[in-house]
């Protein structure tokens, strides 16, 4: 399992574009002057992230990092609406934090419950067909909208483990050895600091109880500031229910066990005060070494921990493991269960908390070689305008005048033949209000 753990990833998601509306007319044998019957384009597919309790790694995103939803179908004659593009659902482990930037603002959401869904990017709306543009004075509009483009984002994924027990302690305290003998996990073990370069998960069975133990890589002084492997691994401690604090009672690296105990807790406290407040069971390891047995009584007397929460073991020889595991099992049974129940099936998905903006608002800014008009409503209109249709250009001109944008440009100082940019379009300003 160690080789498969992958707790950070970056992926690109793009929703489908909406289909184009149709500008068609009824053509029937006995109806020579049939009216417009162009249907709307279908909406593009959306991209969702879904918290899957069966996953515990982001490894899949090492190999696939781009996810594109299906475009909507184009509208057809006889008022037929184009097919909706298929949505994409991307499974991620429960406990995945998703970060992104939208219009230079950072947003973070947490998929902490099984089945929870995040609407990452929305599909574009389908363009309107010409049946929507009929008026008493315009009975045969040759005008239809293009589909809106789908949203696209770069997402940063980060997994925080959802384990029952987190093993903490200095490098070489014996955490990996302990995990290997109490579970089926096979972490890499060697006698040098930071052998564990990624968290390892193991499932421990005792009687009818089963619980998940996470071996967190060794913490050193300054870990909360990112020194060593620092913050990359401290975050995994956040969601464990109980900490198993492993101490090298023999001090084989020349370290003082009591100092190690206090230093680890100081690092947890500096990273987040609540971490140091988590329930802890202290394990004095390496009882198979004479130095550990000589220090045992002194350590027990000086540790600021109830005697019932201190256990002396030798992970290498399995000595003292049974009482420790029974205590772990009993403590976990007495603690509240984590909130991992699946959410209600009909609960709406999470969405990015982007502030609402009045779509009618617009701004005008002078650029080095022209002007820039920004505003949700006008940018949307320009995006769906088919500039190959003369009636679409007429519509755009009317909207620019009706919304006050034309007057605002004139007051700002726009001149004949100036470039006016709206969304991705570049228009040429003319005093007679024609654009090309």
Protein backbone atom coordinates (compact mmCIF):
# COMPACT_ATOMS: atom_id res chain seq x y z
CA UNK A 1 0.00 0.00 0.00
CA UNK A 2 2.86 2.38 0.75
CA UNK A 3 3.87 2.59 -2.87
CA UNK A 4 0.31 3.42 -3.92
CA UNK A 5 -0.28 6.35 -1.58
CA UNK A 6 -0.53 9.62 -3.43
CA UNK A 7 -1.92 12.55 -1.46
CA UNK A 8 -1.59 15.59 -3.75
CA UNK A 9 -2.59 16.13 -7.36
CA UNK A 10 -3.37 18.84 -9.86
CA UNK A 11 -6.06 18.29 -12.49
CA UNK A 12 -7.67 20.32 -15.29
CA UNK A 13 -11.44 20.14 -15.68
CA UNK A 14 -13.49 21.60 -18.53
CA UNK A 15 -17.24 21.50 -18.88
CA UNK A 16 -18.90 21.01 -22.25
CA UNK A 17 -19.91 23.92 -24.46
CA UNK A 18 -23.57 24.51 -25.15
CA UNK A 19 -24.86 23.59 -28.60
CA UNK A 20 -25.67 26.30 -31.13
CA UNK A 21 -29.24 27.42 -31.71
CA UNK A 22 -30.75 26.85 -35.14
CA UNK A 23 -32.00 29.52 -37.55
CA UNK A 24 -34.34 27.41 -39.64
CA UNK A 25 -37.82 27.81 -41.15
CA UNK A 26 -40.75 25.51 -41.73
CA UNK A 27 -40.66 24.06 -45.21
CA UNK A 28 -43.89 22.21 -45.91
CA UNK A 29 -45.57 21.47 -49.21
CA UNK A 30 -48.69 23.55 -48.56
CA UNK A 31 -47.09 26.14 -46.26
CA UNK A 32 -44.90 28.23 -48.55
CA UNK A 33 -44.38 30.98 -45.96
CA UNK A 34 -43.68 28.84 -42.91
CA UNK A 35 -42.39 30.66 -39.86
CA UNK A 36 -39.15 30.16 -37.90
CA UNK A 37 -38.76 26.77 -36.23
CA UNK A 38 -35.11 26.69 -35.16
CA UNK A 39 -34.60 24.86 -31.87
CA UNK A 40 -32.23 25.64 -29.00
CA UNK A 41 -28.85 24.07 -28.48
CA UNK A 42 -28.43 21.55 -25.66
CA UNK A 43 -26.56 22.42 -22.50
CA UNK A 44 -22.98 21.21 -22.18
CA UNK A 45 -22.07 18.54 -19.64
CA UNK A 46 -20.86 19.49 -16.16
CA UNK A 47 -17.92 18.07 -14.21
CA UNK A 48 -18.51 16.86 -10.64
CA UNK A 49 -16.13 15.59 -7.97
CA UNK A 50 -17.65 12.85 -5.81
CA UNK A 51 -16.31 11.64 -2.44
CA UNK A 52 -15.93 7.86 -2.68
CA UNK A 53 -15.38 5.94 0.60
CA UNK A 54 -13.75 3.07 -1.33
CA UNK A 55 -10.74 5.24 -2.25
CA UNK A 56 -7.85 6.26 -0.01
CA UNK A 57 -5.34 7.71 -2.48
CA UNK A 58 -5.12 10.23 -5.32
CA UNK A 59 -2.87 7.89 -7.29
CA UNK A 60 -5.24 7.79 -10.29
CA UNK A 61 -4.48 11.45 -10.99
CA UNK A 62 -0.82 10.70 -11.53
CA UNK A 63 -1.79 9.18 -14.86
CA UNK A 64 -4.89 11.14 -15.88
CA UNK A 65 -5.02 14.87 -15.22
CA UNK A 66 -7.45 16.23 -17.84
CA UNK A 67 -11.21 15.74 -17.72
CA UNK A 68 -13.45 17.12 -20.48
CA UNK A 69 -17.24 16.86 -20.38
CA UNK A 70 -19.31 16.40 -23.53
CA UNK A 71 -20.58 19.35 -25.55
CA UNK A 72 -24.31 19.92 -26.02
CA UNK A 73 -25.90 19.08 -29.34
CA UNK A 74 -26.97 21.78 -31.79
CA UNK A 75 -30.61 22.78 -32.14
CA UNK A 76 -32.54 21.48 -35.13
CA UNK A 77 -35.55 22.27 -37.25
CA UNK A 78 -39.09 21.69 -36.02
CA UNK A 79 -38.05 23.37 -32.75
CA UNK A 80 -35.91 20.39 -31.75
CA UNK A 81 -33.60 21.08 -28.82
CA UNK A 82 -30.10 19.66 -29.05
CA UNK A 83 -29.09 16.79 -26.78
CA UNK A 84 -27.60 17.68 -23.43
CA UNK A 85 -23.92 16.85 -23.05
CA UNK A 86 -23.09 14.02 -20.65
CA UNK A 87 -21.79 15.00 -17.22
CA UNK A 88 -18.53 13.62 -15.84
CA UNK A 89 -18.19 12.39 -12.25
CA UNK A 90 -14.65 12.14 -10.90
CA UNK A 91 -14.27 9.92 -7.84
CA UNK A 92 -11.95 11.19 -5.12
CA UNK A 93 -11.29 9.84 -1.60
CA UNK A 94 -13.39 11.08 1.31
CA UNK A 95 -11.28 13.76 2.97
CA UNK A 96 -10.13 15.42 -0.26
CA UNK A 97 -9.67 19.18 -0.10
CA UNK A 98 -10.18 20.98 -3.42
CA UNK A 99 -8.61 24.36 -4.14
CA UNK A 100 -8.88 26.65 -7.16
CA UNK A 101 -8.71 30.25 -8.30
CA UNK A 102 -11.64 32.04 -9.94
CA UNK A 103 -11.10 35.59 -11.19
CA UNK A 104 -7.97 35.96 -9.04
CA UNK A 105 -9.77 34.82 -5.86
CA UNK A 106 -8.83 31.59 -4.08
CA UNK A 107 -11.49 29.12 -2.99
CA UNK A 108 -11.26 25.93 -0.91
CA UNK A 109 -13.89 23.23 -0.38
CA UNK A 110 -13.71 20.04 1.65
CA UNK A 111 -15.29 16.74 0.56
CA UNK A 112 -15.49 15.24 4.03
CA UNK A 113 -18.58 13.01 3.73
CA UNK A 114 -19.12 9.92 1.66
CA UNK A 115 -21.19 10.69 -1.41
CA UNK A 116 -20.64 14.44 -1.17
CA UNK A 117 -20.51 16.09 -4.60
CA UNK A 118 -18.86 19.25 -5.84
CA UNK A 119 -20.06 20.92 -9.01
CA UNK A 120 -16.57 21.86 -10.17
CA UNK A 121 -17.42 23.45 -13.54
CA UNK A 122 -20.77 24.09 -15.23
CA UNK A 123 -21.60 23.28 -18.79
CA UNK A 124 -22.39 26.18 -21.10
CA UNK A 125 -26.01 27.03 -21.87
CA UNK A 126 -27.28 26.15 -25.30
CA UNK A 127 -27.83 29.00 -27.74
CA UNK A 128 -31.39 30.11 -28.48
CA UNK A 129 -32.94 29.17 -31.81
CA UNK A 130 -34.67 31.72 -34.04
CA UNK A 131 -38.14 30.83 -32.71
CA UNK A 132 -37.25 33.06 -29.72
CA UNK A 133 -36.61 36.18 -31.82
CA UNK A 134 -39.95 36.56 -33.58
CA UNK A 135 -41.66 39.93 -32.97
CA UNK A 136 -44.69 41.65 -34.52
CA UNK A 137 -42.33 43.58 -36.80
CA UNK A 138 -39.87 40.73 -37.40
CA UNK A 139 -41.72 37.64 -38.48
CA UNK A 140 -38.79 35.77 -40.05
CA UNK A 141 -35.67 36.35 -37.95
CA UNK A 142 -32.50 34.86 -39.39
CA UNK A 143 -30.86 35.00 -36.01
CA UNK A 144 -29.76 32.32 -33.56
CA UNK A 145 -27.27 32.24 -30.70
CA UNK A 146 -24.09 30.27 -30.41
CA UNK A 147 -23.74 28.00 -27.40
CA UNK A 148 -21.90 29.29 -24.34
CA UNK A 149 -18.46 27.82 -23.67
CA UNK A 150 -18.17 25.52 -20.68
CA UNK A 151 -16.33 26.64 -17.56
CA UNK A 152 -12.78 25.42 -17.05
CA UNK A 153 -10.56 25.34 -13.97
CA UNK A 154 -7.29 24.01 -12.68
CA UNK A 155 -7.96 22.17 -9.42
CA UNK A 156 -5.45 21.38 -6.69
CA UNK A 157 -6.37 18.26 -4.74
CA UNK A 158 -5.03 17.40 -1.30
CA UNK A 159 -5.94 14.33 0.71
CA UNK A 160 -6.12 14.32 4.48
CA UNK A 161 -6.22 10.82 5.84
CA UNK A 162 -9.32 9.64 7.64
CA UNK A 163 -7.77 7.16 10.03
CA UNK A 164 -8.87 6.14 13.51
CA UNK A 165 -5.36 6.16 14.98
CA UNK A 166 -2.39 8.29 13.95
CA UNK A 167 1.13 7.19 14.85
CA UNK A 168 3.34 10.17 15.73
CA UNK A 169 6.89 10.36 16.95
CA UNK A 170 10.43 11.15 15.92
CA UNK A 171 12.13 9.33 13.05
CA UNK A 172 13.32 5.87 14.09
CA UNK A 173 10.99 5.75 17.11
CA UNK A 174 9.60 2.49 15.68
CA UNK A 175 6.28 3.58 14.18
CA UNK A 176 6.69 1.66 10.93
CA UNK A 177 7.79 -1.45 12.75
CA UNK A 178 4.78 -1.26 15.05
CA UNK A 179 2.38 -0.82 12.11
CA UNK A 180 3.91 -3.77 10.32
CA UNK A 181 3.37 -6.13 13.24
CA UNK A 182 -0.16 -5.05 14.23
CA UNK A 183 -1.58 -4.94 10.70
CA UNK A 184 -1.05 -6.33 7.21
CA UNK A 185 0.67 -3.13 6.07
CA UNK A 186 4.24 -3.49 4.84
CA UNK A 187 5.88 -0.09 5.29
CA UNK A 188 9.51 0.44 4.32
CA UNK A 189 11.67 0.11 7.43
CA UNK A 190 15.33 1.04 7.89
CA UNK A 191 17.55 2.65 10.52
CA UNK A 192 17.80 6.21 9.25
CA UNK A 193 15.64 9.32 9.59
CA UNK A 194 12.66 9.81 7.29
CA UNK A 195 12.58 6.26 6.03
CA UNK A 196 8.81 6.70 5.82
CA UNK A 197 8.44 9.20 3.02
CA UNK A 198 4.67 8.88 2.80
CA UNK A 199 1.91 7.89 5.23
CA UNK A 200 1.14 4.18 5.44
CA UNK A 201 -2.27 2.78 6.30
CA UNK A 202 -2.92 -0.46 8.12
CA UNK A 203 -6.11 -2.17 9.28
CA UNK A 204 -5.89 -3.68 12.76
CA UNK A 205 -8.26 -6.45 13.84
CA UNK A 206 -8.73 -7.35 17.49
CA UNK A 207 -11.70 -9.51 18.43
CA UNK A 208 -14.69 -8.12 16.59
CA UNK A 209 -13.18 -4.65 16.30
CA UNK A 210 -11.37 -3.26 13.30
CA UNK A 211 -9.73 0.14 13.04
CA UNK A 212 -7.44 2.00 10.66
CA UNK A 213 -3.99 3.12 11.77
CA UNK A 214 -1.94 5.70 9.85
CA UNK A 215 1.83 5.81 10.22
CA UNK A 216 2.68 9.50 9.81
CA UNK A 217 6.30 10.19 8.76
CA UNK A 218 8.61 11.23 11.56
CA UNK A 219 8.22 14.77 12.86
CA UNK A 220 11.24 16.91 13.72
CA UNK A 221 11.61 20.29 15.38
CA UNK A 222 10.28 22.97 13.05
CA UNK A 223 7.92 20.64 11.19
CA UNK A 224 5.05 23.13 11.61
CA UNK A 225 7.15 25.60 9.59
CA UNK A 226 7.73 23.08 6.82
CA UNK A 227 11.18 21.92 7.96
CA UNK A 228 11.97 18.36 6.90
CA UNK A 229 8.76 16.73 5.67
CA UNK A 230 6.84 19.04 8.01
CA UNK A 231 3.49 20.39 6.90
CA UNK A 232 3.16 17.80 4.12
CA UNK A 233 2.45 15.21 6.81
CA UNK A 234 1.21 17.11 9.86
CA UNK A 235 -2.05 17.71 7.99
CA UNK A 236 -2.73 13.96 8.04
CA UNK A 237 -2.89 14.03 11.83
CA UNK A 238 -5.81 16.45 11.79
CA UNK A 239 -8.57 13.91 11.20
CA UNK A 240 -7.38 11.00 13.28
CA UNK A 241 -9.52 10.27 16.34
CA UNK A 242 -6.69 9.18 18.59
CA UNK A 243 -2.92 9.64 18.58
CA UNK A 244 -0.48 6.86 19.40
CA UNK A 245 2.67 8.67 20.48
CA UNK A 246 5.67 6.38 19.95
CA UNK A 247 8.82 7.16 21.94
CA UNK A 248 12.24 5.53 21.60
CA UNK A 249 12.69 4.68 25.25
CA UNK A 250 16.26 3.51 24.62
CA UNK A 251 17.38 6.78 23.05
CA UNK A 252 19.42 4.91 20.45
CA UNK A 253 20.10 8.10 18.47
CA UNK A 254 21.43 9.86 21.54
CA UNK A 255 18.09 11.58 22.11
CA UNK A 256 16.32 12.12 25.41
CA UNK A 257 12.91 10.36 25.39
CA UNK A 258 11.23 12.95 27.64
CA UNK A 259 12.49 15.83 25.49
CA UNK A 260 11.21 14.01 22.41
CA UNK A 261 7.76 13.67 23.98
CA UNK A 262 7.46 17.38 24.72
CA UNK A 263 8.93 18.43 21.41
CA UNK A 264 6.49 16.38 19.35
CA UNK A 265 3.56 17.86 21.26
CA UNK A 266 4.98 21.35 20.78
CA UNK A 267 5.09 20.78 17.01
CA UNK A 268 1.50 19.55 17.00
CA UNK A 269 0.42 22.58 19.04
CA UNK A 270 2.24 25.03 16.77
CA UNK A 271 0.67 23.54 13.65
CA UNK A 272 -2.82 23.65 15.16
CA UNK A 273 -3.67 23.92 18.89
CA UNK A 274 -6.40 21.28 18.61
CA UNK A 275 -3.90 18.65 17.49
CA UNK A 276 -2.13 18.62 20.84
CA UNK A 277 -5.52 18.29 22.55
CA UNK A 278 -6.37 15.04 20.77
CA UNK A 279 -6.45 11.99 23.05
CA UNK A 280 -3.04 10.32 23.20
CA UNK A 281 -1.75 6.96 24.25
CA UNK A 282 2.00 6.99 24.86
CA UNK A 283 4.04 3.97 23.82
CA UNK A 284 7.53 3.48 25.24
CA UNK A 285 9.12 1.36 22.52
CA UNK A 286 12.30 -0.75 22.20
CA UNK A 287 11.84 -2.56 25.48
CA UNK A 288 13.99 -5.29 23.96
CA UNK A 289 17.04 -3.04 24.51
CA UNK A 290 18.66 -2.83 27.99
CA UNK A 291 18.79 0.99 27.87
CA UNK A 292 15.01 1.15 27.57
CA UNK A 293 14.40 -1.14 30.54
CA UNK A 294 16.81 0.90 32.65
CA UNK A 295 14.90 4.13 31.90
CA UNK A 296 11.41 2.71 32.08
CA UNK A 297 10.51 3.57 35.69
CA UNK A 298 11.91 7.10 35.39
CA UNK A 299 10.03 7.75 32.15
CA UNK A 300 6.72 6.55 33.57
CA UNK A 301 7.19 8.71 36.64
CA UNK A 302 7.94 11.88 34.65
CA UNK A 303 5.55 11.64 31.71
CA UNK A 304 2.54 13.98 32.25
CA UNK A 305 0.18 11.20 31.18
CA UNK A 306 -2.14 8.97 33.24
CA UNK A 307 -0.52 5.63 33.96
CA UNK A 308 -3.41 3.88 32.19
CA UNK A 309 -2.39 5.61 28.94
CA UNK A 310 1.29 4.60 29.02
CA UNK A 311 2.39 1.25 27.56
CA UNK A 312 5.84 -0.28 27.35
CA UNK A 313 6.41 -2.51 24.32
CA UNK A 314 9.03 -4.01 22.06
CA UNK A 315 7.56 -3.78 18.57
CA UNK A 316 10.41 -5.83 17.13
CA UNK A 317 9.68 -8.81 19.41
CA UNK A 318 5.91 -8.21 19.82
CA UNK A 319 6.27 -7.84 23.60
CA UNK A 320 3.44 -5.88 25.25
CA UNK A 321 1.34 -5.52 22.09
CA UNK A 322 -1.84 -7.27 23.28
CA UNK A 323 -2.59 -4.93 26.22
CA UNK A 324 -1.88 -1.93 23.97
CA UNK A 325 -4.25 -3.08 21.23
CA UNK A 326 -7.02 -3.89 23.74
CA UNK A 327 -6.72 -0.39 25.19
CA UNK A 328 -6.79 1.17 21.72
CA UNK A 329 -9.90 -0.80 20.82
CA UNK A 330 -11.66 0.15 24.07
CA UNK A 331 -10.81 3.83 23.73
CA UNK A 332 -12.05 4.00 20.15
CA UNK A 333 -15.34 2.29 21.11
CA UNK A 334 -15.91 4.98 23.74
CA UNK A 335 -15.21 7.88 21.37
CA UNK A 336 -17.74 9.52 19.04
CA UNK A 337 -17.74 8.14 15.54
CA UNK A 338 -16.46 10.44 12.80
CA UNK A 339 -19.05 12.10 10.58
CA UNK A 340 -18.61 9.82 7.60
CA UNK A 341 -22.20 8.77 7.11
CA UNK A 342 -23.25 9.11 3.47
CA UNK A 343 -25.10 12.33 2.75
CA UNK A 344 -28.70 12.29 1.61
CA UNK A 345 -28.97 11.25 -2.03
CA UNK A 346 -30.98 14.32 -3.01
CA UNK A 347 -28.76 16.83 -1.21
CA UNK A 348 -27.62 19.55 -3.65
CA UNK A 349 -23.95 19.53 -4.64
CA UNK A 350 -21.41 21.93 -3.24
CA UNK A 351 -20.61 24.94 -5.40
CA UNK A 352 -17.86 27.54 -5.30
CA UNK A 353 -18.93 30.43 -3.03
CA UNK A 354 -18.32 33.08 -5.69
CA UNK A 355 -20.07 36.35 -4.73
CA UNK A 356 -23.14 37.26 -6.76
CA UNK A 357 -22.64 40.19 -9.11
CA UNK A 358 -25.37 42.27 -10.75
CA UNK A 359 -25.21 41.02 -14.37
CA UNK A 360 -26.30 44.43 -15.70
CA UNK A 361 -23.28 46.22 -14.25
CA UNK A 362 -20.46 47.07 -16.63
CA UNK A 363 -17.15 48.90 -16.60
CA UNK A 364 -15.16 50.64 -19.31
CA UNK A 365 -11.38 50.86 -19.24
CA UNK A 366 -9.00 52.42 -21.74
CA UNK A 367 -6.25 50.11 -22.94
CA UNK A 368 -3.05 50.93 -24.79
CA UNK A 369 -4.61 50.33 -28.18
CA UNK A 370 -8.33 50.54 -27.52
CA UNK A 371 -11.07 50.03 -24.94
CA UNK A 372 -12.24 47.16 -22.76
CA UNK A 373 -15.90 46.72 -21.77
CA UNK A 374 -16.45 44.26 -18.90
CA UNK A 375 -19.74 43.04 -17.47
CA UNK A 376 -21.43 39.67 -17.00
CA UNK A 377 -24.48 40.32 -19.19
CA UNK A 378 -22.74 42.05 -22.10
CA UNK A 379 -19.87 39.55 -22.14
CA UNK A 380 -22.36 36.69 -22.25
CA UNK A 381 -24.20 38.31 -25.17
CA UNK A 382 -21.03 38.85 -27.16
CA UNK A 383 -19.94 35.27 -26.51
CA UNK A 384 -23.13 33.82 -27.99
CA UNK A 385 -23.35 36.31 -30.88
CA UNK A 386 -22.82 34.80 -34.31
CA UNK A 387 -21.01 37.64 -36.10
CA UNK A 388 -21.68 36.01 -39.46
CA UNK A 389 -25.37 36.94 -39.07
CA UNK A 390 -26.27 40.55 -39.92
CA UNK A 391 -29.31 40.42 -37.63
CA UNK A 392 -27.09 39.29 -34.76
CA UNK A 393 -24.97 42.42 -35.23
CA UNK A 394 -28.11 44.56 -35.25
CA UNK A 395 -29.19 42.94 -31.99
CA UNK A 396 -25.82 43.62 -30.39
CA UNK A 397 -25.96 47.28 -31.41
CA UNK A 398 -29.44 47.66 -29.93
CA UNK A 399 -28.33 46.12 -26.64
CA UNK A 400 -25.23 48.35 -26.47
CA UNK A 401 -27.47 51.38 -26.88
CA UNK A 402 -30.24 50.18 -24.54
CA UNK A 403 -27.85 49.34 -21.69
CA UNK A 404 -26.05 52.69 -21.90
CA UNK A 405 -22.75 51.17 -22.97
CA UNK A 406 -22.62 53.13 -26.22
CA UNK A 407 -23.18 56.44 -24.40
CA UNK A 408 -20.62 55.50 -21.77
CA UNK A 409 -18.02 54.77 -24.45
CA UNK A 410 -18.68 58.14 -26.11
CA UNK A 411 -18.35 59.96 -22.77
CA UNK A 412 -15.10 58.10 -22.10
CA UNK A 413 -13.72 59.39 -25.39
CA UNK A 414 -14.03 56.57 -27.87
CA UNK A 415 -13.18 57.66 -31.41
CA UNK A 416 -14.03 56.49 -34.92
CA UNK A 417 -12.21 53.21 -35.75
CA UNK A 418 -11.11 52.59 -32.15
CA UNK A 419 -10.94 48.93 -31.09
CA UNK A 420 -13.56 47.98 -28.47
CA UNK A 421 -12.98 44.61 -26.78
CA UNK A 422 -15.79 42.68 -25.11
CA UNK A 423 -15.02 39.16 -23.89
CA UNK A 424 -12.88 37.63 -26.68
CA UNK A 425 -14.34 39.79 -29.45
CA UNK A 426 -12.67 42.84 -30.98
CA UNK A 427 -15.13 45.33 -32.48
CA UNK A 428 -14.41 48.46 -34.49
CA UNK A 429 -16.24 51.54 -33.23
CA UNK A 430 -18.04 53.66 -35.80
CA UNK A 431 -19.97 56.87 -35.26
CA UNK A 432 -22.77 55.40 -37.34
CA UNK A 433 -22.79 52.41 -34.91
CA UNK A 434 -21.70 49.67 -37.25
CA UNK A 435 -19.31 47.00 -36.09
CA UNK A 436 -17.03 44.81 -38.13
